[in-house]
């Protein structure tokens, strides 16, 4: 019975979301796999190179603060990360010589490079949506620098009580106020994705409000 509710609520969630989102040509820039999750939830082609990867927060902020420059640079690779030891062996890309992109879903550099270049060509520079979360060495200062960026459409998910910042969505029910956990499954609990993609508005939601099946939606992802 529980499995039935998982499948039914997941199908309902995806159907409703796809009906609500009318913007069909946008690029999500994300510090982790959240953008990939959104494209999958919407059943859309990836129009962003930020897929199957993550970027440490200090690098991500530098990338965004000089975004056009870094995105014009040829992607290269390195064997070693300035952030030290990593659990798995995967390609580490470099933009501009100092921005590390950790391609955790790829085994080989060539595959990561081809996918990166292919998806850079698909980017819609006139319809960018910028997302960050407080993971990977993220500090309160990183979040404040993100909030000050000039991008029109930006949002930051955090487990820290910084919801007074315009672009910040506070995941208030997370028990540990350190790095954000389970944002891939929980984002719709706190944040109206359709309003953001359709109108560029960061609408912060109250957990469980008008969502009696939230538990089943969350555990199904």
N, C-alpha and C. Protein backbone atom coordinates (compact mmCIF):
# COMPACT_ATOMS: atom_id res chain seq x y z
N UNK A 1 0.82 -1.21 0.00
CA UNK A 1 0.00 0.00 0.00
C UNK A 1 0.86 1.26 0.00
N UNK A 2 1.93 1.23 0.81
CA UNK A 2 2.81 2.40 0.86
C UNK A 2 3.44 2.66 -0.50
N UNK A 3 3.86 1.56 -1.18
CA UNK A 3 4.45 1.71 -2.50
C UNK A 3 3.46 2.31 -3.49
N UNK A 4 2.20 1.95 -3.36
CA UNK A 4 1.17 2.50 -4.24
C UNK A 4 1.05 4.01 -4.04
N UNK A 5 1.01 4.45 -2.78
CA UNK A 5 0.91 5.88 -2.51
C UNK A 5 2.14 6.63 -3.01
N UNK A 6 3.32 6.01 -2.87
CA UNK A 6 4.54 6.64 -3.38
C UNK A 6 4.41 6.91 -4.88
N UNK A 7 4.02 5.90 -5.63
CA UNK A 7 3.93 6.03 -7.08
C UNK A 7 2.82 7.00 -7.48
N UNK A 8 1.68 6.90 -6.81
CA UNK A 8 0.54 7.75 -7.16
C UNK A 8 0.84 9.22 -6.87
N UNK A 9 1.43 9.49 -5.70
CA UNK A 9 1.71 10.89 -5.34
C UNK A 9 2.81 11.47 -6.21
N UNK A 10 3.80 10.63 -6.56
CA UNK A 10 4.87 11.09 -7.44
C UNK A 10 4.32 11.43 -8.82
N UNK A 11 3.45 10.58 -9.34
CA UNK A 11 2.85 10.83 -10.66
C UNK A 11 2.00 12.10 -10.62
N UNK A 12 1.26 12.29 -9.53
CA UNK A 12 0.43 13.49 -9.38
C UNK A 12 1.29 14.74 -9.32
N UNK A 13 2.37 14.67 -8.55
CA UNK A 13 3.28 15.81 -8.42
C UNK A 13 3.86 16.22 -9.77
N UNK A 14 4.37 15.24 -10.53
CA UNK A 14 4.99 15.55 -11.81
C UNK A 14 3.97 16.07 -12.82
N UNK A 15 2.79 15.49 -12.82
CA UNK A 15 1.74 15.94 -13.74
C UNK A 15 1.34 17.38 -13.43
N UNK A 16 1.14 17.68 -12.16
CA UNK A 16 0.75 19.03 -11.76
C UNK A 16 1.85 20.04 -12.09
N UNK A 17 3.11 19.67 -11.79
CA UNK A 17 4.22 20.58 -12.04
C UNK A 17 4.36 20.89 -13.53
N UNK A 18 4.24 19.86 -14.36
CA UNK A 18 4.39 20.07 -15.81
C UNK A 18 3.27 20.92 -16.38
N UNK A 19 2.10 20.85 -15.77
CA UNK A 19 0.99 21.70 -16.21
C UNK A 19 1.18 23.15 -15.76
N UNK A 20 1.80 23.33 -14.59
CA UNK A 20 1.95 24.67 -14.03
C UNK A 20 3.08 25.46 -14.68
N UNK A 21 4.15 24.78 -15.07
CA UNK A 21 5.31 25.48 -15.63
C UNK A 21 5.09 25.73 -17.12
N UNK A 22 4.92 26.97 -17.49
CA UNK A 22 4.68 27.34 -18.89
C UNK A 22 5.96 27.78 -19.60
N UNK A 23 6.97 28.14 -18.86
CA UNK A 23 8.27 28.52 -19.43
C UNK A 23 8.97 27.25 -19.91
N UNK A 24 9.18 27.14 -21.19
CA UNK A 24 9.72 25.91 -21.77
C UNK A 24 11.13 26.07 -22.34
N UNK A 25 11.75 27.22 -22.15
CA UNK A 25 13.09 27.44 -22.72
C UNK A 25 13.93 28.25 -21.74
N UNK A 26 14.55 27.57 -20.80
CA UNK A 26 15.32 28.24 -19.76
C UNK A 26 16.56 27.42 -19.43
N UNK A 27 17.53 28.09 -18.85
CA UNK A 27 18.77 27.45 -18.41
C UNK A 27 18.91 27.61 -16.91
N UNK A 28 19.02 26.48 -16.22
CA UNK A 28 19.28 26.49 -14.78
C UNK A 28 20.77 26.33 -14.55
N UNK A 29 21.33 27.26 -13.79
CA UNK A 29 22.72 27.16 -13.34
C UNK A 29 22.66 26.78 -11.87
N UNK A 30 23.24 25.64 -11.52
CA UNK A 30 23.14 25.13 -10.16
C UNK A 30 24.49 24.64 -9.68
N UNK A 31 24.71 24.72 -8.38
CA UNK A 31 25.98 24.25 -7.81
C UNK A 31 26.01 22.74 -7.61
N UNK A 32 24.89 22.08 -7.86
CA UNK A 32 24.84 20.62 -7.71
C UNK A 32 23.80 20.04 -8.67
N UNK A 33 23.30 18.86 -8.36
CA UNK A 33 22.42 18.14 -9.28
C UNK A 33 20.97 18.61 -9.26
N UNK A 34 20.67 19.69 -8.54
CA UNK A 34 19.29 20.15 -8.44
C UNK A 34 18.72 20.54 -9.80
N UNK A 35 19.50 21.23 -10.61
CA UNK A 35 19.01 21.62 -11.93
C UNK A 35 18.65 20.41 -12.76
N UNK A 36 19.49 19.39 -12.70
CA UNK A 36 19.20 18.14 -13.41
C UNK A 36 17.88 17.55 -12.94
N UNK A 37 17.65 17.58 -11.62
CA UNK A 37 16.41 17.05 -11.05
C UNK A 37 15.20 17.82 -11.57
N UNK A 38 15.31 19.12 -11.67
CA UNK A 38 14.19 19.94 -12.16
C UNK A 38 13.87 19.61 -13.61
N UNK A 39 14.89 19.53 -14.45
CA UNK A 39 14.65 19.17 -15.85
C UNK A 39 13.98 17.79 -15.95
N UNK A 40 14.40 16.85 -15.11
CA UNK A 40 13.78 15.52 -15.13
C UNK A 40 12.34 15.58 -14.64
N UNK A 41 12.10 16.33 -13.57
CA UNK A 41 10.73 16.47 -13.06
C UNK A 41 9.80 17.04 -14.12
N UNK A 42 10.34 17.92 -14.96
CA UNK A 42 9.53 18.56 -16.00
C UNK A 42 9.54 17.79 -17.31
N UNK A 43 10.33 16.73 -17.38
CA UNK A 43 10.41 15.95 -18.62
C UNK A 43 11.04 16.72 -19.76
N UNK A 44 12.00 17.59 -19.45
CA UNK A 44 12.59 18.48 -20.45
C UNK A 44 14.04 18.11 -20.76
N UNK A 45 14.47 18.52 -21.94
CA UNK A 45 15.86 18.37 -22.35
C UNK A 45 16.74 19.27 -21.47
N UNK A 46 17.95 18.78 -21.17
CA UNK A 46 18.89 19.59 -20.40
C UNK A 46 19.38 20.76 -21.26
N UNK A 47 19.08 21.96 -20.83
CA UNK A 47 19.56 23.16 -21.52
C UNK A 47 20.57 23.90 -20.65
N UNK A 48 21.35 23.10 -19.96
CA UNK A 48 22.37 23.63 -19.06
C UNK A 48 23.52 22.64 -19.00
N UNK A 49 24.75 23.12 -18.94
CA UNK A 49 25.89 22.21 -18.78
C UNK A 49 26.10 21.77 -17.34
N UNK A 50 25.35 22.37 -16.40
CA UNK A 50 25.54 22.07 -14.98
C UNK A 50 24.71 20.85 -14.59
N UNK A 51 25.11 19.71 -15.16
CA UNK A 51 24.38 18.45 -15.01
C UNK A 51 25.37 17.37 -14.56
N UNK A 52 24.97 16.58 -13.56
CA UNK A 52 25.82 15.47 -13.12
C UNK A 52 27.10 15.93 -12.47
N UNK A 53 27.05 17.03 -11.72
CA UNK A 53 28.26 17.61 -11.16
C UNK A 53 27.94 18.40 -9.89
N UNK A 54 28.99 18.83 -9.21
CA UNK A 54 28.82 19.82 -8.15
C UNK A 54 30.03 20.74 -8.15
N UNK A 55 29.86 21.91 -7.54
CA UNK A 55 30.92 22.91 -7.45
C UNK A 55 31.00 23.39 -6.00
N UNK A 56 32.19 23.44 -5.45
CA UNK A 56 32.36 23.96 -4.10
C UNK A 56 31.94 25.43 -4.05
N UNK A 57 31.34 25.82 -2.93
CA UNK A 57 30.74 27.14 -2.82
C UNK A 57 31.69 28.30 -3.12
N UNK A 58 32.92 28.32 -2.60
CA UNK A 58 33.81 29.45 -2.93
C UNK A 58 34.05 29.58 -4.44
N UNK A 59 34.23 28.44 -5.12
CA UNK A 59 34.41 28.46 -6.58
C UNK A 59 33.13 28.91 -7.27
N UNK A 60 32.01 28.44 -6.78
CA UNK A 60 30.73 28.76 -7.42
C UNK A 60 30.45 30.26 -7.37
N UNK A 61 30.74 30.87 -6.23
CA UNK A 61 30.53 32.32 -6.11
C UNK A 61 31.45 33.07 -7.07
N UNK A 62 32.71 32.66 -7.16
CA UNK A 62 33.62 33.31 -8.10
C UNK A 62 33.15 33.14 -9.54
N UNK A 63 32.67 31.95 -9.86
CA UNK A 63 32.11 31.69 -11.19
C UNK A 63 30.98 32.65 -11.50
N UNK A 64 30.05 32.79 -10.57
CA UNK A 64 28.88 33.63 -10.81
C UNK A 64 29.23 35.11 -10.84
N UNK A 65 30.22 35.51 -10.08
CA UNK A 65 30.61 36.92 -10.05
C UNK A 65 31.28 37.36 -11.35
N UNK A 66 31.75 36.41 -12.13
CA UNK A 66 32.34 36.72 -13.44
C UNK A 66 31.89 35.66 -14.44
N UNK A 67 30.57 35.50 -14.55
CA UNK A 67 29.98 34.35 -15.21
C UNK A 67 30.31 34.29 -16.70
N UNK A 68 30.15 35.38 -17.40
CA UNK A 68 30.39 35.36 -18.85
C UNK A 68 31.84 35.02 -19.17
N UNK A 69 32.76 35.56 -18.39
CA UNK A 69 34.17 35.25 -18.62
C UNK A 69 34.44 33.77 -18.45
N UNK A 70 34.03 33.21 -17.32
CA UNK A 70 34.34 31.80 -17.06
C UNK A 70 33.65 30.88 -18.07
N UNK A 71 32.42 31.20 -18.45
CA UNK A 71 31.71 30.34 -19.39
C UNK A 71 32.28 30.43 -20.80
N UNK A 72 33.09 31.43 -21.05
CA UNK A 72 33.74 31.53 -22.36
C UNK A 72 35.07 30.78 -22.41
N UNK A 73 35.50 30.27 -21.25
CA UNK A 73 36.78 29.57 -21.18
C UNK A 73 36.64 28.10 -21.57
N UNK A 74 37.69 27.58 -22.16
CA UNK A 74 37.72 26.17 -22.54
C UNK A 74 37.83 25.31 -21.28
N UNK A 75 37.00 24.28 -21.21
CA UNK A 75 37.04 23.37 -20.07
C UNK A 75 38.28 22.48 -20.15
N UNK A 76 39.08 22.53 -19.11
CA UNK A 76 40.25 21.66 -18.99
C UNK A 76 40.05 20.75 -17.79
N UNK A 77 41.04 19.93 -17.50
CA UNK A 77 40.89 18.96 -16.41
C UNK A 77 42.14 18.93 -15.54
N UNK A 78 41.95 18.49 -14.31
CA UNK A 78 43.05 18.35 -13.37
C UNK A 78 42.91 17.03 -12.62
N UNK A 79 44.02 16.51 -12.15
CA UNK A 79 44.00 15.26 -11.39
C UNK A 79 43.75 15.50 -9.91
N UNK A 80 44.00 16.71 -9.45
CA UNK A 80 43.95 16.99 -8.02
C UNK A 80 43.04 18.18 -7.73
N UNK A 81 42.31 18.08 -6.62
CA UNK A 81 41.44 19.16 -6.19
C UNK A 81 42.12 19.97 -5.09
N UNK A 82 41.94 21.27 -5.13
CA UNK A 82 42.47 22.11 -4.06
C UNK A 82 41.72 21.90 -2.75
N UNK A 83 40.58 21.22 -2.84
CA UNK A 83 39.79 20.94 -1.64
C UNK A 83 40.16 19.62 -0.99
N UNK A 84 41.18 18.94 -1.51
CA UNK A 84 41.70 17.76 -0.85
C UNK A 84 41.08 16.46 -1.30
N UNK A 85 41.07 15.50 -0.40
CA UNK A 85 40.69 14.12 -0.68
C UNK A 85 39.25 14.04 -1.16
N UNK A 86 39.01 13.13 -2.08
CA UNK A 86 37.65 12.85 -2.55
C UNK A 86 37.42 11.35 -2.49
N UNK A 87 36.18 10.97 -2.23
CA UNK A 87 35.85 9.57 -1.98
C UNK A 87 35.91 8.73 -3.24
N UNK A 88 35.51 9.28 -4.38
CA UNK A 88 35.44 8.52 -5.61
C UNK A 88 36.35 9.14 -6.67
N UNK A 89 36.68 8.32 -7.65
CA UNK A 89 37.52 8.79 -8.75
C UNK A 89 36.62 9.21 -9.91
N UNK A 90 36.60 10.49 -10.21
CA UNK A 90 35.78 11.04 -11.29
C UNK A 90 36.53 12.23 -11.89
N UNK A 91 36.16 12.67 -13.07
CA UNK A 91 36.86 13.81 -13.69
C UNK A 91 36.61 15.12 -12.93
N UNK A 92 37.64 15.92 -12.82
CA UNK A 92 37.52 17.26 -12.24
C UNK A 92 37.85 18.27 -13.33
N UNK A 93 36.85 19.04 -13.73
CA UNK A 93 37.07 20.05 -14.75
C UNK A 93 37.58 21.35 -14.15
N UNK A 94 38.21 22.16 -14.98
CA UNK A 94 38.70 23.48 -14.58
C UNK A 94 38.26 24.52 -15.60
N UNK A 95 37.67 25.60 -15.12
CA UNK A 95 37.34 26.75 -15.96
C UNK A 95 38.22 27.91 -15.53
N UNK A 96 38.88 28.52 -16.51
CA UNK A 96 39.71 29.68 -16.21
C UNK A 96 40.87 29.38 -15.29
N UNK A 97 41.19 28.11 -15.12
CA UNK A 97 42.33 27.71 -14.31
C UNK A 97 42.07 27.60 -12.82
N UNK A 98 40.89 28.04 -12.33
CA UNK A 98 40.68 28.01 -10.88
C UNK A 98 39.29 27.59 -10.43
N UNK A 99 38.35 27.42 -11.33
CA UNK A 99 37.00 26.98 -10.95
C UNK A 99 36.89 25.47 -11.17
N UNK A 100 36.77 24.71 -10.09
CA UNK A 100 36.68 23.26 -10.19
C UNK A 100 35.23 22.82 -10.40
N UNK A 101 35.03 21.92 -11.34
CA UNK A 101 33.73 21.31 -11.57
C UNK A 101 33.89 19.81 -11.38
N UNK A 102 33.23 19.28 -10.38
CA UNK A 102 33.37 17.88 -10.02
C UNK A 102 32.28 17.06 -10.72
N UNK A 103 32.68 16.36 -11.77
CA UNK A 103 31.74 15.61 -12.60
C UNK A 103 31.50 14.22 -12.01
N UNK A 104 30.71 14.17 -10.96
CA UNK A 104 30.56 12.94 -10.19
C UNK A 104 29.79 11.85 -10.92
N UNK A 105 29.06 12.18 -11.96
CA UNK A 105 28.29 11.16 -12.69
C UNK A 105 28.98 10.68 -13.95
N UNK A 106 30.23 11.07 -14.12
CA UNK A 106 30.96 10.67 -15.32
C UNK A 106 32.21 9.88 -14.93
N UNK A 107 32.56 8.91 -15.77
CA UNK A 107 33.77 8.13 -15.51
C UNK A 107 34.97 8.68 -16.27
N UNK A 108 34.72 9.29 -17.42
CA UNK A 108 35.81 9.68 -18.29
C UNK A 108 35.76 11.17 -18.63
N UNK A 109 36.94 11.76 -18.77
CA UNK A 109 37.04 13.17 -19.12
C UNK A 109 36.36 13.49 -20.45
N UNK A 110 36.58 12.64 -21.44
CA UNK A 110 36.06 12.92 -22.77
C UNK A 110 34.54 13.01 -22.76
N UNK A 111 33.90 12.12 -22.04
CA UNK A 111 32.45 12.15 -21.94
C UNK A 111 31.98 13.43 -21.27
N UNK A 112 32.64 13.80 -20.16
CA UNK A 112 32.27 15.02 -19.45
C UNK A 112 32.47 16.25 -20.34
N UNK A 113 33.57 16.27 -21.08
CA UNK A 113 33.87 17.40 -21.97
C UNK A 113 32.84 17.52 -23.08
N UNK A 114 32.50 16.39 -23.71
CA UNK A 114 31.53 16.42 -24.80
C UNK A 114 30.16 16.90 -24.32
N UNK A 115 29.72 16.38 -23.18
CA UNK A 115 28.42 16.78 -22.65
C UNK A 115 28.43 18.26 -22.24
N UNK A 116 29.52 18.69 -21.64
CA UNK A 116 29.63 20.09 -21.25
C UNK A 116 29.50 21.01 -22.46
N UNK A 117 30.29 20.76 -23.48
CA UNK A 117 30.28 21.62 -24.67
C UNK A 117 28.93 21.58 -25.39
N UNK A 118 28.36 20.40 -25.47
CA UNK A 118 27.05 20.25 -26.13
C UNK A 118 25.99 21.06 -25.41
N UNK A 119 26.02 21.04 -24.08
CA UNK A 119 24.98 21.72 -23.31
C UNK A 119 25.25 23.21 -23.17
N UNK A 120 26.52 23.62 -23.21
CA UNK A 120 26.82 25.05 -23.26
C UNK A 120 26.17 25.67 -24.50
N UNK A 121 26.22 24.95 -25.61
CA UNK A 121 25.62 25.44 -26.86
C UNK A 121 24.10 25.57 -26.76
N UNK A 122 23.48 24.83 -25.86
CA UNK A 122 22.02 24.89 -25.70
C UNK A 122 21.57 26.00 -24.76
N UNK A 123 22.49 26.62 -24.05
CA UNK A 123 22.10 27.59 -23.03
C UNK A 123 21.28 28.74 -23.61
N UNK A 124 20.28 29.14 -22.86
CA UNK A 124 19.50 30.33 -23.20
C UNK A 124 19.99 31.47 -22.30
N UNK A 125 20.87 32.28 -22.85
CA UNK A 125 21.47 33.35 -22.06
C UNK A 125 20.47 34.44 -21.70
N UNK A 126 19.35 34.47 -22.38
CA UNK A 126 18.32 35.47 -22.09
C UNK A 126 17.32 34.98 -21.05
N UNK A 127 17.49 33.76 -20.56
CA UNK A 127 16.52 33.20 -19.61
C UNK A 127 17.25 32.31 -18.61
N UNK A 128 18.15 32.93 -17.84
CA UNK A 128 18.96 32.20 -16.87
C UNK A 128 18.27 32.17 -15.51
N UNK A 129 18.36 31.02 -14.85
CA UNK A 129 17.86 30.86 -13.48
C UNK A 129 19.00 30.29 -12.65
N UNK A 130 19.40 31.03 -11.62
CA UNK A 130 20.60 30.72 -10.86
C UNK A 130 20.21 30.19 -9.49
N UNK A 131 20.71 29.01 -9.16
CA UNK A 131 20.38 28.39 -7.87
C UNK A 131 21.64 27.99 -7.11
N UNK A 132 21.60 28.15 -5.80
CA UNK A 132 22.69 27.74 -4.93
C UNK A 132 22.11 27.09 -3.68
N UNK A 133 22.88 26.24 -3.03
CA UNK A 133 22.50 25.71 -1.72
C UNK A 133 23.71 25.73 -0.81
N UNK A 134 23.46 25.70 0.50
CA UNK A 134 24.58 25.84 1.44
C UNK A 134 25.25 24.48 1.68
N UNK A 135 25.95 24.06 0.65
CA UNK A 135 26.73 22.82 0.71
C UNK A 135 28.14 23.10 0.22
N UNK A 136 29.02 22.13 0.42
CA UNK A 136 30.37 22.18 -0.16
C UNK A 136 31.13 23.45 0.25
N UNK A 137 31.40 23.54 1.56
CA UNK A 137 32.18 24.64 2.13
C UNK A 137 31.46 25.98 2.04
N UNK A 138 30.16 25.95 2.02
CA UNK A 138 29.39 27.19 1.96
C UNK A 138 29.35 27.85 3.34
N UNK A 139 29.57 29.14 3.38
CA UNK A 139 29.51 29.92 4.61
C UNK A 139 28.40 30.96 4.50
N UNK A 140 28.10 31.60 5.62
CA UNK A 140 27.11 32.67 5.59
C UNK A 140 27.56 33.79 4.67
N UNK A 141 28.86 34.05 4.62
CA UNK A 141 29.39 35.07 3.72
C UNK A 141 29.14 34.71 2.26
N UNK A 142 29.28 33.43 1.91
CA UNK A 142 28.98 32.98 0.54
C UNK A 142 27.53 33.27 0.19
N UNK A 143 26.64 32.98 1.13
CA UNK A 143 25.21 33.19 0.88
C UNK A 143 24.91 34.67 0.69
N UNK A 144 25.53 35.52 1.48
CA UNK A 144 25.31 36.96 1.34
C UNK A 144 25.87 37.47 0.01
N UNK A 145 27.01 36.95 -0.41
CA UNK A 145 27.56 37.34 -1.71
C UNK A 145 26.64 36.88 -2.84
N UNK A 146 26.06 35.69 -2.68
CA UNK A 146 25.11 35.20 -3.68
C UNK A 146 23.91 36.12 -3.75
N UNK A 147 23.38 36.50 -2.61
CA UNK A 147 22.19 37.36 -2.57
C UNK A 147 22.46 38.71 -3.23
N UNK A 148 23.71 39.14 -3.23
CA UNK A 148 24.07 40.44 -3.81
C UNK A 148 24.34 40.38 -5.31
N UNK A 149 24.34 39.20 -5.90
CA UNK A 149 24.62 39.07 -7.33
C UNK A 149 23.54 39.77 -8.17
N UNK A 150 23.91 40.28 -9.34
CA UNK A 150 22.95 41.06 -10.15
C UNK A 150 21.98 40.24 -10.98
N UNK A 151 22.01 38.91 -10.89
CA UNK A 151 21.09 38.09 -11.68
C UNK A 151 19.65 38.36 -11.25
N UNK A 152 18.75 38.45 -12.23
CA UNK A 152 17.34 38.71 -11.92
C UNK A 152 16.68 37.52 -11.25
N UNK A 153 16.99 36.32 -11.73
CA UNK A 153 16.32 35.12 -11.24
C UNK A 153 17.32 34.26 -10.47
N UNK A 154 17.29 34.38 -9.16
CA UNK A 154 18.23 33.60 -8.36
C UNK A 154 17.55 33.15 -7.07
N UNK A 155 17.98 31.98 -6.57
CA UNK A 155 17.45 31.46 -5.32
C UNK A 155 18.53 30.64 -4.63
N UNK A 156 18.55 30.72 -3.31
CA UNK A 156 19.49 29.95 -2.51
C UNK A 156 18.72 29.16 -1.46
N UNK A 157 18.97 27.86 -1.38
CA UNK A 157 18.36 27.01 -0.37
C UNK A 157 19.34 26.84 0.79
N UNK A 158 18.84 26.99 2.01
CA UNK A 158 19.73 26.90 3.16
C UNK A 158 19.05 26.27 4.36
N UNK A 159 19.87 25.63 5.21
CA UNK A 159 19.39 25.12 6.49
C UNK A 159 19.63 26.13 7.60
N UNK A 160 20.20 27.26 7.24
CA UNK A 160 20.50 28.32 8.21
C UNK A 160 19.37 29.36 8.19
N UNK A 161 19.04 29.95 9.32
CA UNK A 161 17.92 30.92 9.39
C UNK A 161 18.28 32.26 8.77
N UNK A 162 18.38 32.28 7.45
CA UNK A 162 18.73 33.50 6.72
C UNK A 162 17.62 33.89 5.75
N UNK A 163 16.40 33.48 6.07
CA UNK A 163 15.28 33.71 5.18
C UNK A 163 14.91 35.17 5.00
N UNK A 164 15.52 36.07 5.78
CA UNK A 164 15.25 37.51 5.62
C UNK A 164 15.89 38.04 4.34
N UNK A 165 16.86 37.31 3.79
CA UNK A 165 17.46 37.72 2.52
C UNK A 165 16.50 37.37 1.39
N UNK A 166 16.35 38.27 0.43
CA UNK A 166 15.32 38.13 -0.59
C UNK A 166 15.41 36.83 -1.38
N UNK A 167 16.62 36.40 -1.71
CA UNK A 167 16.77 35.24 -2.58
C UNK A 167 16.90 33.93 -1.82
N UNK A 168 16.83 33.98 -0.49
CA UNK A 168 17.12 32.80 0.33
C UNK A 168 15.84 32.11 0.78
N UNK A 169 15.79 30.80 0.60
CA UNK A 169 14.69 29.97 1.08
C UNK A 169 15.23 29.10 2.21
N UNK A 170 14.66 29.27 3.39
CA UNK A 170 15.11 28.58 4.60
C UNK A 170 14.36 27.26 4.77
N UNK A 171 15.09 26.16 4.77
CA UNK A 171 14.50 24.83 4.99
C UNK A 171 14.34 24.64 6.49
N UNK A 172 13.25 25.16 7.02
CA UNK A 172 13.08 25.33 8.46
C UNK A 172 12.93 24.02 9.23
N UNK A 173 12.50 22.96 8.59
CA UNK A 173 12.27 21.71 9.31
C UNK A 173 13.47 20.77 9.28
N UNK A 174 14.55 21.19 8.66
CA UNK A 174 15.75 20.36 8.73
C UNK A 174 16.29 20.41 10.15
N UNK A 175 16.61 19.27 10.71
CA UNK A 175 16.96 19.19 12.13
C UNK A 175 18.35 19.73 12.43
N UNK A 176 19.27 19.62 11.47
CA UNK A 176 20.64 20.06 11.70
C UNK A 176 20.93 21.28 10.83
N UNK A 177 21.24 22.39 11.45
CA UNK A 177 21.47 23.63 10.70
C UNK A 177 22.92 23.73 10.23
N UNK A 178 23.34 22.73 9.47
CA UNK A 178 24.68 22.76 8.88
C UNK A 178 24.49 22.72 7.37
N UNK A 179 25.16 21.81 6.69
CA UNK A 179 24.93 21.68 5.25
C UNK A 179 23.52 21.19 4.97
N UNK A 180 22.94 21.70 3.91
CA UNK A 180 21.58 21.32 3.53
C UNK A 180 21.52 19.85 3.15
N UNK A 181 20.44 19.18 3.55
CA UNK A 181 20.25 17.77 3.24
C UNK A 181 18.97 17.57 2.44
N UNK A 182 18.98 16.64 1.52
CA UNK A 182 17.79 16.19 0.79
C UNK A 182 17.04 17.31 0.07
N UNK A 183 17.76 18.28 -0.45
CA UNK A 183 17.07 19.34 -1.18
C UNK A 183 16.42 18.83 -2.45
N UNK A 184 16.96 17.75 -3.04
CA UNK A 184 16.38 17.23 -4.28
C UNK A 184 14.96 16.75 -4.05
N UNK A 185 14.69 16.18 -2.88
CA UNK A 185 13.35 15.71 -2.60
C UNK A 185 12.47 16.72 -1.89
N UNK A 186 13.10 17.70 -1.23
CA UNK A 186 12.34 18.62 -0.38
C UNK A 186 12.07 19.99 -0.99
N UNK A 187 12.68 20.29 -2.12
CA UNK A 187 12.60 21.68 -2.60
C UNK A 187 11.18 22.18 -2.77
N UNK A 188 10.28 21.30 -3.25
CA UNK A 188 8.90 21.73 -3.52
C UNK A 188 8.11 21.96 -2.24
N UNK A 189 8.65 21.50 -1.12
CA UNK A 189 8.00 21.71 0.17
C UNK A 189 8.12 23.17 0.63
N UNK A 190 9.22 23.80 0.26
CA UNK A 190 9.52 25.15 0.72
C UNK A 190 9.47 26.22 -0.37
N UNK A 191 9.41 25.81 -1.62
CA UNK A 191 9.68 26.74 -2.73
C UNK A 191 8.74 26.45 -3.88
N UNK A 192 8.14 27.52 -4.44
CA UNK A 192 7.22 27.38 -5.57
C UNK A 192 8.02 27.47 -6.87
N UNK A 193 8.37 26.32 -7.41
CA UNK A 193 9.20 26.27 -8.62
C UNK A 193 8.50 26.91 -9.81
N UNK A 194 7.21 26.67 -9.97
CA UNK A 194 6.48 27.20 -11.12
C UNK A 194 6.48 28.73 -11.11
N UNK A 195 6.27 29.34 -9.95
CA UNK A 195 6.30 30.80 -9.87
C UNK A 195 7.67 31.35 -10.24
N UNK A 196 8.69 30.64 -9.84
CA UNK A 196 10.06 31.09 -10.15
C UNK A 196 10.34 31.01 -11.64
N UNK A 197 10.06 29.86 -12.24
CA UNK A 197 10.36 29.68 -13.66
C UNK A 197 9.44 30.50 -14.56
N UNK A 198 8.20 30.67 -14.16
CA UNK A 198 7.25 31.42 -15.00
C UNK A 198 7.38 32.93 -14.84
N UNK A 199 7.63 33.39 -13.60
CA UNK A 199 7.56 34.82 -13.33
C UNK A 199 8.80 35.38 -12.63
N UNK A 200 9.78 34.54 -12.32
CA UNK A 200 10.98 35.01 -11.65
C UNK A 200 10.77 35.38 -10.20
N UNK A 201 9.70 34.91 -9.59
CA UNK A 201 9.39 35.25 -8.20
C UNK A 201 9.85 34.14 -7.26
N UNK A 202 10.55 34.52 -6.19
CA UNK A 202 10.93 33.56 -5.16
C UNK A 202 9.80 33.53 -4.13
N UNK A 203 8.91 32.54 -4.28
CA UNK A 203 7.78 32.38 -3.37
C UNK A 203 8.13 31.29 -2.37
N UNK A 204 8.19 31.68 -1.10
CA UNK A 204 8.59 30.76 -0.03
C UNK A 204 7.34 30.13 0.57
N UNK A 205 7.31 28.81 0.59
CA UNK A 205 6.13 28.07 1.03
C UNK A 205 6.26 27.62 2.48
N UNK A 206 5.12 27.43 3.12
CA UNK A 206 5.08 26.90 4.48
C UNK A 206 5.01 25.38 4.39
N UNK A 207 5.88 24.65 5.09
CA UNK A 207 5.87 23.18 5.01
C UNK A 207 4.49 22.60 5.32
N UNK A 208 4.09 21.64 4.50
CA UNK A 208 2.84 20.88 4.64
C UNK A 208 1.59 21.66 4.25
N UNK A 209 1.72 22.96 3.99
CA UNK A 209 0.52 23.74 3.66
C UNK A 209 -0.09 23.26 2.35
N UNK A 210 -1.37 22.90 2.39
CA UNK A 210 -2.11 22.44 1.20
C UNK A 210 -1.43 21.25 0.52
N UNK A 211 -0.79 20.42 1.31
CA UNK A 211 -0.05 19.29 0.72
C UNK A 211 -0.13 18.09 1.65
N UNK A 212 -1.28 17.46 1.80
CA UNK A 212 -1.43 16.35 2.74
C UNK A 212 -0.62 15.13 2.37
N UNK A 213 -0.16 15.00 1.12
CA UNK A 213 0.60 13.83 0.71
C UNK A 213 2.09 14.12 0.64
N UNK A 214 2.53 15.19 1.31
CA UNK A 214 3.93 15.56 1.18
C UNK A 214 4.86 14.41 1.57
N UNK A 215 4.53 13.69 2.64
CA UNK A 215 5.42 12.62 3.09
C UNK A 215 5.67 11.62 1.97
N UNK A 216 4.63 11.25 1.28
CA UNK A 216 4.78 10.25 0.23
C UNK A 216 5.53 10.81 -0.97
N UNK A 217 5.31 12.08 -1.30
CA UNK A 217 6.06 12.70 -2.39
C UNK A 217 7.54 12.73 -2.05
N UNK A 218 7.85 13.08 -0.82
CA UNK A 218 9.25 13.23 -0.42
C UNK A 218 9.99 11.90 -0.49
N UNK A 219 9.40 10.86 0.03
CA UNK A 219 10.10 9.59 0.09
C UNK A 219 10.15 8.88 -1.25
N UNK A 220 9.42 9.37 -2.23
CA UNK A 220 9.41 8.68 -3.52
C UNK A 220 10.54 9.12 -4.43
N UNK A 221 11.30 10.15 -4.06
CA UNK A 221 12.35 10.66 -4.94
C UNK A 221 13.68 9.99 -4.63
